[in-house]
Amino acid sequence: LYEDKFKSSNILQWESSTSTTMTNKIGMRLVNQKDTYIFVRKIKQEDGITLPYIYIGKGQLTNPRKSKNIKSTLLFDIILDNEIPNYLKYDFQVPKE
């Protein structure tokens, strides 16, 4: 439901939760955030089992912008300190460089 995707092996586009704007408390906190810790999962459930999140490292929130979502969300590019591990690139459809 979100526009989360890898733009490259070290840039993750992330969409905030709904009701987040550049001027409300949540949005301003995100815009001013320096570092963030990145946890990902491809799908929520598989065969009735809730899958865990995988920690892929630390990154910086950059390029905040309003999304096209009518429920008010923000998009960010997260610059990862390290590239996404090779074993996850296929599952997360990381573009080849």
PDB file of N, CA and C in Angstrom:
ATOM      1  N   LEU A   1       0.807  -1.195   0.000  1.00  0.00           N
ATOM      2  CA  LEU A   1       0.000   0.000   0.000  1.00  0.00           C
ATOM      3  C   LEU A   1       0.858   1.271   0.000  1.00  0.00           C
ATOM      4  N   TYR A   2       2.123   1.130   0.306  1.00  0.00           N
ATOM      5  CA  TYR A   2       3.023   2.280   0.357  1.00  0.00           C
ATOM      6  C   TYR A   2       3.957   2.271  -0.839  1.00  0.00           C
ATOM      7  N   GLU A   3       4.567   3.404  -1.099  1.00  0.00           N
ATOM      8  CA  GLU A   3       5.497   3.527  -2.219  1.00  0.00           C
ATOM      9  C   GLU A   3       6.933   3.247  -1.789  1.00  0.00           C
ATOM     10  N   ASP A   4       7.119   2.263  -0.923  1.00  0.00           N
ATOM     11  CA  ASP A   4       8.455   1.879  -0.489  1.00  0.00           C
ATOM     12  C   ASP A   4       9.105   1.055  -1.587  1.00  0.00           C
ATOM     13  N   LYS A   5      10.356   1.411  -1.923  1.00  0.00           N
ATOM     14  CA  LYS A   5      11.080   0.644  -2.936  1.00  0.00           C
ATOM     15  C   LYS A   5      12.551   1.037  -2.897  1.00  0.00           C
ATOM     16  N   PHE A   6      13.381   0.124  -3.365  1.00  0.00           N
ATOM     17  CA  PHE A   6      14.794   0.436  -3.504  1.00  0.00           C
ATOM     18  C   PHE A   6      15.005   1.113  -4.847  1.00  0.00           C
ATOM     19  N   LYS A   7      15.623   2.283  -4.813  1.00  0.00           N
ATOM     20  CA  LYS A   7      15.956   3.006  -6.042  1.00  0.00           C
ATOM     21  C   LYS A   7      17.333   2.580  -6.545  1.00  0.00           C
ATOM     22  N   SER A   8      18.166   2.089  -5.637  1.00  0.00           N
ATOM     23  CA  SER A   8      19.480   1.536  -5.954  1.00  0.00           C
ATOM     24  C   SER A   8      19.886   0.669  -4.766  1.00  0.00           C
ATOM     25  N   SER A   9      21.081   0.117  -4.813  1.00  0.00           N
ATOM     26  CA  SER A   9      21.506  -0.780  -3.732  1.00  0.00           C
ATOM     27  C   SER A   9      21.798  -0.034  -2.432  1.00  0.00           C
ATOM     28  N   ASN A  10      21.852   1.298  -2.481  1.00  0.00           N
ATOM     29  CA  ASN A  10      22.069   2.047  -1.241  1.00  0.00           C
ATOM     30  C   ASN A  10      21.073   3.191  -1.042  1.00  0.00           C
ATOM     31  N   ILE A  11      19.979   3.207  -1.814  1.00  0.00           N
ATOM     32  CA  ILE A  11      18.934   4.221  -1.626  1.00  0.00           C
ATOM     33  C   ILE A  11      17.571   3.536  -1.565  1.00  0.00           C
ATOM     34  N   LEU A  12      16.910   3.728  -0.442  1.00  0.00           N
ATOM     35  CA  LEU A  12      15.569   3.192  -0.225  1.00  0.00           C
ATOM     36  C   LEU A  12      14.582   4.345  -0.202  1.00  0.00           C
ATOM     37  N   GLN A  13      13.569   4.299  -1.070  1.00  0.00           N
ATOM     38  CA  GLN A  13      12.485   5.276  -0.989  1.00  0.00           C
ATOM     39  C   GLN A  13      11.496   4.751   0.036  1.00  0.00           C
ATOM     40  N   TRP A  14      11.172   5.599   1.007  1.00  0.00           N
ATOM     41  CA  TRP A  14      10.279   5.191   2.090  1.00  0.00           C
ATOM     42  C   TRP A  14       9.127   6.181   2.206  1.00  0.00           C
ATOM     43  N   GLU A  15       7.913   5.646   2.369  1.00  0.00           N
ATOM     44  CA  GLU A  15       6.728   6.474   2.556  1.00  0.00           C
ATOM     45  C   GLU A  15       6.285   6.392   4.014  1.00  0.00           C
ATOM     46  N   SER A  16       6.046   7.541   4.614  1.00  0.00           N
ATOM     47  CA  SER A  16       5.637   7.612   6.015  1.00  0.00           C
ATOM     48  C   SER A  16       4.220   7.080   6.201  1.00  0.00           C
ATOM     49  N   SER A  17       3.820   6.987   7.447  1.00  0.00           N
ATOM     50  CA  SER A  17       2.442   6.603   7.746  1.00  0.00           C
ATOM     51  C   SER A  17       1.495   7.735   7.326  1.00  0.00           C
ATOM     52  N   THR A  18       0.218   7.439   7.288  1.00  0.00           N
ATOM     53  CA  THR A  18      -0.772   8.439   6.875  1.00  0.00           C
ATOM     54  C   THR A  18      -0.867   9.570   7.899  1.00  0.00           C
ATOM     55  N   SER A  19      -1.429  10.655   7.451  1.00  0.00           N
ATOM     56  CA  SER A  19      -1.588  11.872   8.262  1.00  0.00           C
ATOM     57  C   SER A  19      -0.256  12.453   8.702  1.00  0.00           C
ATOM     58  N   THR A  20       0.728  12.377   7.831  1.00  0.00           N
ATOM     59  CA  THR A  20       2.048  12.968   8.094  1.00  0.00           C
ATOM     60  C   THR A  20       2.279  14.077   7.073  1.00  0.00           C
ATOM     61  N   THR A  21       2.497  15.284   7.557  1.00  0.00           N
ATOM     62  CA  THR A  21       2.759  16.418   6.673  1.00  0.00           C
ATOM     63  C   THR A  21       4.058  17.087   7.087  1.00  0.00           C
ATOM     64  N   MET A  22       4.546  17.989   6.263  1.00  0.00           N
ATOM     65  CA  MET A  22       5.785  18.711   6.558  1.00  0.00           C
ATOM     66  C   MET A  22       5.621  19.622   7.768  1.00  0.00           C
ATOM     67  N   THR A  23       4.376  19.950   8.120  1.00  0.00           N
ATOM     68  CA  THR A  23       4.167  20.934   9.181  1.00  0.00           C
ATOM     69  C   THR A  23       3.590  20.359  10.471  1.00  0.00           C
ATOM     70  N   ASN A  24       3.199  19.073  10.492  1.00  0.00           N
ATOM     71  CA  ASN A  24       2.695  18.543  11.759  1.00  0.00           C
ATOM     72  C   ASN A  24       3.847  17.940  12.566  1.00  0.00           C
ATOM     73  N   LYS A  25       3.562  17.577  13.803  1.00  0.00           N
ATOM     74  CA  LYS A  25       4.603  17.130  14.735  1.00  0.00           C
ATOM     75  C   LYS A  25       5.379  15.920  14.204  1.00  0.00           C
ATOM     76  N   ILE A  26       4.666  14.939  13.700  1.00  0.00           N
ATOM     77  CA  ILE A  26       5.324  13.727  13.192  1.00  0.00           C
ATOM     78  C   ILE A  26       6.212  14.057  11.993  1.00  0.00           C
ATOM     79  N   GLY A  27       5.670  14.799  11.050  1.00  0.00           N
ATOM     80  CA  GLY A  27       6.429  15.154   9.856  1.00  0.00           C
ATOM     81  C   GLY A  27       7.660  15.981  10.171  1.00  0.00           C
ATOM     82  N   MET A  28       7.520  16.959  11.055  1.00  0.00           N
ATOM     83  CA  MET A  28       8.673  17.810  11.398  1.00  0.00           C
ATOM     84  C   MET A  28       9.754  16.989  12.100  1.00  0.00           C
ATOM     85  N   ARG A  29       9.347  16.028  12.930  1.00  0.00           N
ATOM     86  CA  ARG A  29      10.334  15.173  13.586  1.00  0.00           C
ATOM     87  C   ARG A  29      11.093  14.331  12.547  1.00  0.00           C
ATOM     88  N   LEU A  30      10.384  13.794  11.563  1.00  0.00           N
ATOM     89  CA  LEU A  30      11.036  13.008  10.518  1.00  0.00           C
ATOM     90  C   LEU A  30      11.985  13.867   9.679  1.00  0.00           C
ATOM     91  N   VAL A  31      11.537  15.055   9.289  1.00  0.00           N
ATOM     92  CA  VAL A  31      12.362  15.945   8.472  1.00  0.00           C
ATOM     93  C   VAL A  31      13.650  16.310   9.210  1.00  0.00           C
ATOM     94  N   ASN A  32      13.574  16.453  10.520  1.00  0.00           N
ATOM     95  CA  ASN A  32      14.744  16.829  11.310  1.00  0.00           C
ATOM     96  C   ASN A  32      15.557  15.644  11.822  1.00  0.00           C
ATOM     97  N   GLN A  33      15.107  14.442  11.528  1.00  0.00           N
ATOM     98  CA  GLN A  33      15.788  13.221  11.971  1.00  0.00           C
ATOM     99  C   GLN A  33      17.125  13.081  11.255  1.00  0.00           C
ATOM    100  N   LYS A  34      18.165  12.770  11.985  1.00  0.00           N
ATOM    101  CA  LYS A  34      19.494  12.589  11.374  1.00  0.00           C
ATOM    102  C   LYS A  34      19.678  11.164  10.863  1.00  0.00           C
ATOM    103  N   ASP A  35      19.661  10.216  11.773  1.00  0.00           N
ATOM    104  CA  ASP A  35      19.900   8.816  11.422  1.00  0.00           C
ATOM    105  C   ASP A  35      18.648   7.992  11.653  1.00  0.00           C
ATOM    106  N   THR A  36      18.562   6.888  10.949  1.00  0.00           N
ATOM    107  CA  THR A  36      17.460   5.958  11.144  1.00  0.00           C
ATOM    108  C   THR A  36      17.992   4.541  10.978  1.00  0.00           C
ATOM    109  N   TYR A  37      17.355   3.607  11.632  1.00  0.00           N
ATOM    110  CA  TYR A  37      17.725   2.203  11.535  1.00  0.00           C
ATOM    111  C   TYR A  37      16.708   1.517  10.642  1.00  0.00           C
ATOM    112  N   ILE A  38      17.191   0.756   9.669  1.00  0.00           N
ATOM    113  CA  ILE A  38      16.328   0.210   8.623  1.00  0.00           C
ATOM    114  C   ILE A  38      16.046  -1.278   8.852  1.00  0.00           C
ATOM    115  N   PHE A  39      14.755  -1.590   8.966  1.00  0.00           N
ATOM    116  CA  PHE A  39      14.274  -2.963   9.053  1.00  0.00           C
ATOM    117  C   PHE A  39      13.316  -3.171   7.887  1.00  0.00           C
ATOM    118  N   VAL A  40      13.456  -4.268   7.172  1.00  0.00           N
ATOM    119  CA  VAL A  40      12.612  -4.532   6.001  1.00  0.00           C
ATOM    120  C   VAL A  40      12.030  -5.944   6.079  1.00  0.00           C
ATOM    121  N   ARG A  41      10.937  -6.125   5.382  1.00  0.00           N
ATOM    122  CA  ARG A  41      10.410  -7.462   5.117  1.00  0.00           C
ATOM    123  C   ARG A  41       9.651  -7.371   3.807  1.00  0.00           C
ATOM    124  N   LYS A  42       9.759  -8.422   3.014  1.00  0.00           N
ATOM    125  CA  LYS A  42       9.133  -8.421   1.701  1.00  0.00           C
ATOM    126  C   LYS A  42       7.618  -8.527   1.800  1.00  0.00           C
ATOM    127  N   ILE A  43       7.147  -9.431   2.612  1.00  0.00           N
ATOM    128  CA  ILE A  43       5.709  -9.622   2.802  1.00  0.00           C
ATOM    129  C   ILE A  43       5.435  -9.822   4.288  1.00  0.00           C
ATOM    130  N   LYS A  44       4.196  -9.544   4.691  1.00  0.00           N
ATOM    131  CA  LYS A  44       3.837  -9.641   6.102  1.00  0.00           C
ATOM    132  C   LYS A  44       3.667 -11.091   6.539  1.00  0.00           C
ATOM    133  N   GLN A  45       2.956 -11.880   5.725  1.00  0.00           N
ATOM    134  CA  GLN A  45       2.699 -13.272   6.092  1.00  0.00           C
ATOM    135  C   GLN A  45       2.934 -14.196   4.916  1.00  0.00           C
ATOM    136  N   GLU A  46       3.352 -15.423   5.257  1.00  0.00           N
ATOM    137  CA  GLU A  46       3.518 -16.465   4.251  1.00  0.00           C
ATOM    138  C   GLU A  46       3.069 -17.776   4.875  1.00  0.00           C
ATOM    139  N   ASP A  47       2.137 -18.451   4.239  1.00  0.00           N
ATOM    140  CA  ASP A  47       1.592 -19.715   4.753  1.00  0.00           C
ATOM    141  C   ASP A  47       1.094 -19.581   6.188  1.00  0.00           C
ATOM    142  N   GLY A  48       0.454 -18.438   6.493  1.00  0.00           N
ATOM    143  CA  GLY A  48      -0.108 -18.218   7.816  1.00  0.00           C
ATOM    144  C   GLY A  48       0.903 -17.841   8.885  1.00  0.00           C
ATOM    145  N   ILE A  49       2.157 -17.667   8.499  1.00  0.00           N
ATOM    146  CA  ILE A  49       3.210 -17.316   9.460  1.00  0.00           C
ATOM    147  C   ILE A  49       3.610 -15.862   9.241  1.00  0.00           C
ATOM    148  N   THR A  50       3.601 -15.079  10.314  1.00  0.00           N
ATOM    149  CA  THR A  50       4.054 -13.689  10.232  1.00  0.00           C
ATOM    150  C   THR A  50       5.569 -13.683  10.134  1.00  0.00           C
ATOM    151  N   LEU A  51       6.078 -13.076   9.072  1.00  0.00           N
ATOM    152  CA  LEU A  51       7.524 -13.052   8.848  1.00  0.00           C
ATOM    153  C   LEU A  51       8.171 -11.922   9.640  1.00  0.00           C
ATOM    154  N   PRO A  52       9.411 -12.146  10.088  1.00  0.00           N
ATOM    155  CA  PRO A  52      10.101 -11.110  10.859  1.00  0.00           C
ATOM    156  C   PRO A  52      10.688 -10.038   9.949  1.00  0.00           C
ATOM    157  N   TYR A  53      10.965  -8.898  10.548  1.00  0.00           N
ATOM    158  CA  TYR A  53      11.715  -7.854   9.858  1.00  0.00           C
ATOM    159  C   TYR A  53      13.190  -8.230   9.879  1.00  0.00           C
ATOM    160  N   ILE A  54      13.937  -7.765   8.879  1.00  0.00           N
ATOM    161  CA  ILE A  54      15.377  -8.000   8.785  1.00  0.00           C
ATOM    162  C   ILE A  54      16.074  -6.651   8.913  1.00  0.00           C
ATOM    163  N   TYR A  55      17.014  -6.544   9.826  1.00  0.00           N
ATOM    164  CA  TYR A  55      17.782  -5.309   9.988  1.00  0.00           C
ATOM    165  C   TYR A  55      18.834  -5.246   8.888  1.00  0.00           C
ATOM    166  N   ILE A  56      18.833  -4.157   8.107  1.00  0.00           N
ATOM    167  CA  ILE A  56      19.826  -4.031   7.033  1.00  0.00           C
ATOM    168  C   ILE A  56      20.805  -2.890   7.258  1.00  0.00           C
ATOM    169  N   GLY A  57      20.680  -2.179   8.363  1.00  0.00           N
ATOM    170  CA  GLY A  57      21.670  -1.160   8.672  1.00  0.00           C
ATOM    171  C   GLY A  57      21.085   0.196   8.982  1.00  0.00           C
ATOM    172  N   LYS A  58      21.983   1.155   8.987  1.00  0.00           N
ATOM    173  CA  LYS A  58      21.650   2.517   9.345  1.00  0.00           C
ATOM    174  C   LYS A  58      21.660   3.389   8.089  1.00  0.00           C
ATOM    175  N   GLY A  59      20.904   4.486   8.128  1.00  0.00           N
ATOM    176  CA  GLY A  59      20.877   5.396   6.997  1.00  0.00           C
ATOM    177  C   GLY A  59      20.422   6.782   7.419  1.00  0.00           C
ATOM    178  N   GLN A  60      20.418   7.701   6.454  1.00  0.00           N
ATOM    179  CA  GLN A  60      19.990   9.078   6.697  1.00  0.00           C
ATOM    180  C   GLN A  60      18.760   9.396   5.845  1.00  0.00           C
ATOM    181  N   LEU A  61      17.752   9.979   6.500  1.00  0.00           N
ATOM    182  CA  LEU A  61      16.548  10.418   5.787  1.00  0.00           C
ATOM    183  C   LEU A  61      16.888  11.684   4.997  1.00  0.00           C
ATOM    184  N   THR A  62      16.627  11.670   3.705  1.00  0.00           N
ATOM    185  CA  THR A  62      16.913  12.819   2.850  1.00  0.00           C
ATOM    186  C   THR A  62      15.735  13.069   1.918  1.00  0.00           C
ATOM    187  N   ASN A  63      15.747  14.195   1.244  1.00  0.00           N
ATOM    188  CA  ASN A  63      14.802  14.520   0.186  1.00  0.00           C
ATOM    189  C   ASN A  63      13.329  14.370   0.598  1.00  0.00           C
ATOM    190  N   PRO A  64      12.909  14.972   1.716  1.00  0.00           N
ATOM    191  CA  PRO A  64      11.496  14.861   2.104  1.00  0.00           C
ATOM    192  C   PRO A  64      10.596  15.571   1.092  1.00  0.00           C
ATOM    193  N   ARG A  65       9.480  14.922   0.758  1.00  0.00           N
ATOM    194  CA  ARG A  65       8.543  15.506  -0.211  1.00  0.00           C
ATOM    195  C   ARG A  65       7.161  14.914   0.020  1.00  0.00           C
ATOM    196  N   LYS A  66       6.165  15.671  -0.370  1.00  0.00           N
ATOM    197  CA  LYS A  66       4.782  15.213  -0.260  1.00  0.00           C
ATOM    198  C   LYS A  66       4.538  14.120  -1.297  1.00  0.00           C
ATOM    199  N   SER A  67       3.864  13.065  -0.885  1.00  0.00           N
ATOM    200  CA  SER A  67       3.544  11.989  -1.824  1.00  0.00           C
ATOM    201  C   SER A  67       2.226  12.313  -2.539  1.00  0.00           C
ATOM    202  N   LYS A  68       1.837  11.440  -3.438  1.00  0.00           N
ATOM    203  CA  LYS A  68       0.568  11.597  -4.148  1.00  0.00           C
ATOM    204  C   LYS A  68      -0.584  10.946  -3.381  1.00  0.00           C
ATOM    205  N   ASN A  69      -0.279  10.340  -2.248  1.00  0.00           N
ATOM    206  CA  ASN A  69      -1.277   9.662  -1.429  1.00  0.00           C
ATOM    207  C   ASN A  69      -2.277  10.690  -0.893  1.00  0.00           C
ATOM    208  N   ILE A  70      -3.560  10.448  -1.102  1.00  0.00           N
ATOM    209  CA  ILE A  70      -4.586  11.407  -0.664  1.00  0.00           C
ATOM    210  C   ILE A  70      -4.730  11.442   0.857  1.00  0.00           C
ATOM    211  N   LYS A  71      -4.126  10.471   1.552  1.00  0.00           N
ATOM    212  CA  LYS A  71      -4.225  10.425   3.010  1.00  0.00           C
ATOM    213  C   LYS A  71      -3.047  11.134   3.685  1.00  0.00           C
ATOM    214  N   SER A  72      -2.355  12.010   2.985  1.00  0.00           N
ATOM    215  CA  SER A  72      -1.254  12.813   3.524  1.00  0.00           C
ATOM    216  C   SER A  72      -0.104  11.971   4.072  1.00  0.00           C
ATOM    217  N   THR A  73       0.830  11.676   3.194  1.00  0.00           N
ATOM    218  CA  THR A  73       2.059  11.008   3.596  1.00  0.00           C
ATOM    219  C   THR A  73       3.240  11.757   3.000  1.00  0.00           C
ATOM    220  N   LEU A  74       4.418  11.467   3.523  1.00  0.00           N
ATOM    221  CA  LEU A  74       5.646  12.033   2.984  1.00  0.00           C
ATOM    222  C   LEU A  74       6.505  10.916   2.417  1.00  0.00           C
ATOM    223  N   LEU A  75       7.258  11.247   1.385  1.00  0.00           N
ATOM    224  CA  LEU A  75       8.248  10.332   0.831  1.00  0.00           C
ATOM    225  C   LEU A  75       9.628  10.829   1.228  1.00  0.00           C
ATOM    226  N   PHE A  76      10.515   9.891   1.523  1.00  0.00           N
ATOM    227  CA  PHE A  76      11.910  10.194   1.820  1.00  0.00           C
ATOM    228  C   PHE A  76      12.796   9.254   1.021  1.00  0.00           C
ATOM    229  N   ASP A  77      13.992   9.703   0.701  1.00  0.00           N
ATOM    230  CA  ASP A  77      15.030   8.811   0.212  1.00  0.00           C
ATOM    231  C   ASP A  77      15.934   8.561   1.406  1.00  0.00           C
ATOM    232  N   ILE A  78      16.155   7.294   1.716  1.00  0.00           N
ATOM    233  CA  ILE A  78      17.053   6.944   2.810  1.00  0.00           C
ATOM    234  C   ILE A  78      18.363   6.481   2.184  1.00  0.00           C
ATOM    235  N   ILE A  79      19.418   7.225   2.466  1.00  0.00           N
ATOM    236  CA  ILE A  79      20.751   6.863   1.978  1.00  0.00           C
ATOM    237  C   ILE A  79      21.345   5.897   2.997  1.00  0.00           C
ATOM    238  N   LEU A  80      21.518   4.650   2.592  1.00  0.00           N
ATOM    239  CA  LEU A  80      22.042   3.628   3.495  1.00  0.00           C
ATOM    240  C   LEU A  80      23.541   3.812   3.689  1.00  0.00           C
ATOM    241  N   ASP A  81      24.008   3.587   4.913  1.00  0.00           N
ATOM    242  CA  ASP A  81      25.442   3.642   5.180  1.00  0.00           C
ATOM    243  C   ASP A  81      26.185   2.542   4.430  1.00  0.00           C
ATOM    244  N   ASN A  82      25.521   1.394   4.241  1.00  0.00           N
ATOM    245  CA  ASN A  82      26.074   0.257   3.498  1.00  0.00           C
ATOM    246  C   ASN A  82      25.010  -0.257   2.541  1.00  0.00           C
ATOM    247  N   GLU A  83      25.447  -0.834   1.440  1.00  0.00           N
ATOM    248  CA  GLU A  83      24.495  -1.374   0.465  1.00  0.00           C
ATOM    249  C   GLU A  83      23.662  -2.489   1.088  1.00  0.00           C
ATOM    250  N   ILE A  84      22.460  -2.684   0.519  1.00  0.00           N
ATOM    251  CA  ILE A  84      21.630  -3.813   0.926  1.00  0.00           C
ATOM    252  C   ILE A  84      22.420  -5.092   0.630  1.00  0.00           C
ATOM    253  N   PRO A  85      22.374  -6.080   1.528  1.00  0.00           N
ATOM    254  CA  PRO A  85      23.112  -7.323   1.291  1.00  0.00           C
ATOM    255  C   PRO A  85      22.684  -7.990  -0.020  1.00  0.00           C
ATOM    256  N   ASN A  86      23.647  -8.611  -0.686  1.00  0.00           N
ATOM    257  CA  ASN A  86      23.392  -9.244  -1.980  1.00  0.00           C
ATOM    258  C   ASN A  86      22.259 -10.262  -1.930  1.00  0.00           C
ATOM    259  N   TYR A  87      22.152 -11.008  -0.847  1.00  0.00           N
ATOM    260  CA  TYR A  87      21.134 -12.061  -0.787  1.00  0.00           C
ATOM    261  C   TYR A  87      19.705 -11.508  -0.738  1.00  0.00           C
ATOM    262  N   LEU A  88      19.557 -10.208  -0.500  1.00  0.00           N
ATOM    263  CA  LEU A  88      18.221  -9.593  -0.458  1.00  0.00           C
ATOM    264  C   LEU A  88      17.872  -8.817  -1.733  1.00  0.00           C
ATOM    265  N   LYS A  89      18.840  -8.602  -2.592  1.00  0.00           N
ATOM    266  CA  LYS A  89      18.609  -7.749  -3.765  1.00  0.00           C
ATOM    267  C   LYS A  89      17.523  -8.291  -4.686  1.00  0.00           C
ATOM    268  N   TYR A  90      17.483  -9.578  -4.913  1.00  0.00           N
ATOM    269  CA  TYR A  90      16.470 -10.155  -5.791  1.00  0.00           C
ATOM    270  C   TYR A  90      15.076 -10.017  -5.171  1.00  0.00           C
ATOM    271  N   ASP A  91      14.951 -10.399  -3.901  1.00  0.00           N
ATOM    272  CA  ASP A  91      13.642 -10.360  -3.225  1.00  0.00           C
ATOM    273  C   ASP A  91      13.053  -8.955  -3.189  1.00  0.00           C
ATOM    274  N   PHE A  92      13.903  -7.934  -3.061  1.00  0.00           N
ATOM    275  CA  PHE A  92      13.422  -6.554  -2.960  1.00  0.00           C
ATOM    276  C   PHE A  92      13.544  -5.798  -4.282  1.00  0.00           C
ATOM    277  N   GLN A  93      13.801  -6.523  -5.353  1.00  0.00           N
ATOM    278  CA  GLN A  93      13.840  -5.967  -6.711  1.00  0.00           C
ATOM    279  C   GLN A  93      14.715  -4.703  -6.796  1.00  0.00           C
ATOM    280  N   VAL A  94      15.919  -4.833  -6.246  1.00  0.00           N
ATOM    281  CA  VAL A  94      16.874  -3.719  -6.298  1.00  0.00           C
ATOM    282  C   VAL A  94      17.356  -3.592  -7.738  1.00  0.00           C
ATOM    283  N   PRO A  95      17.246  -2.389  -8.337  1.00  0.00           N
ATOM    284  CA  PRO A  95      17.696  -2.221  -9.728  1.00  0.00           C
ATOM    285  C   PRO A  95      19.188  -2.522  -9.874  1.00  0.00           C
ATOM    286  N   LYS A  96      19.526  -3.155 -10.977  1.00  0.00           N
ATOM    287  CA  LYS A  96      20.946  -3.418 -11.259  1.00  0.00           C
ATOM    288  C   LYS A  96      21.607  -2.118 -11.667  1.00  0.00           C
ATOM    289  N   GLU A  97      22.839  -1.952 -11.218  1.00  0.00           N
ATOM    290  CA  GLU A  97      23.550  -0.702 -11.496  1.00  0.00           C
ATOM    291  C   GLU A  97      24.586  -0.888 -12.568  1.00  0.00           C
TER     292      GLU A  97
END
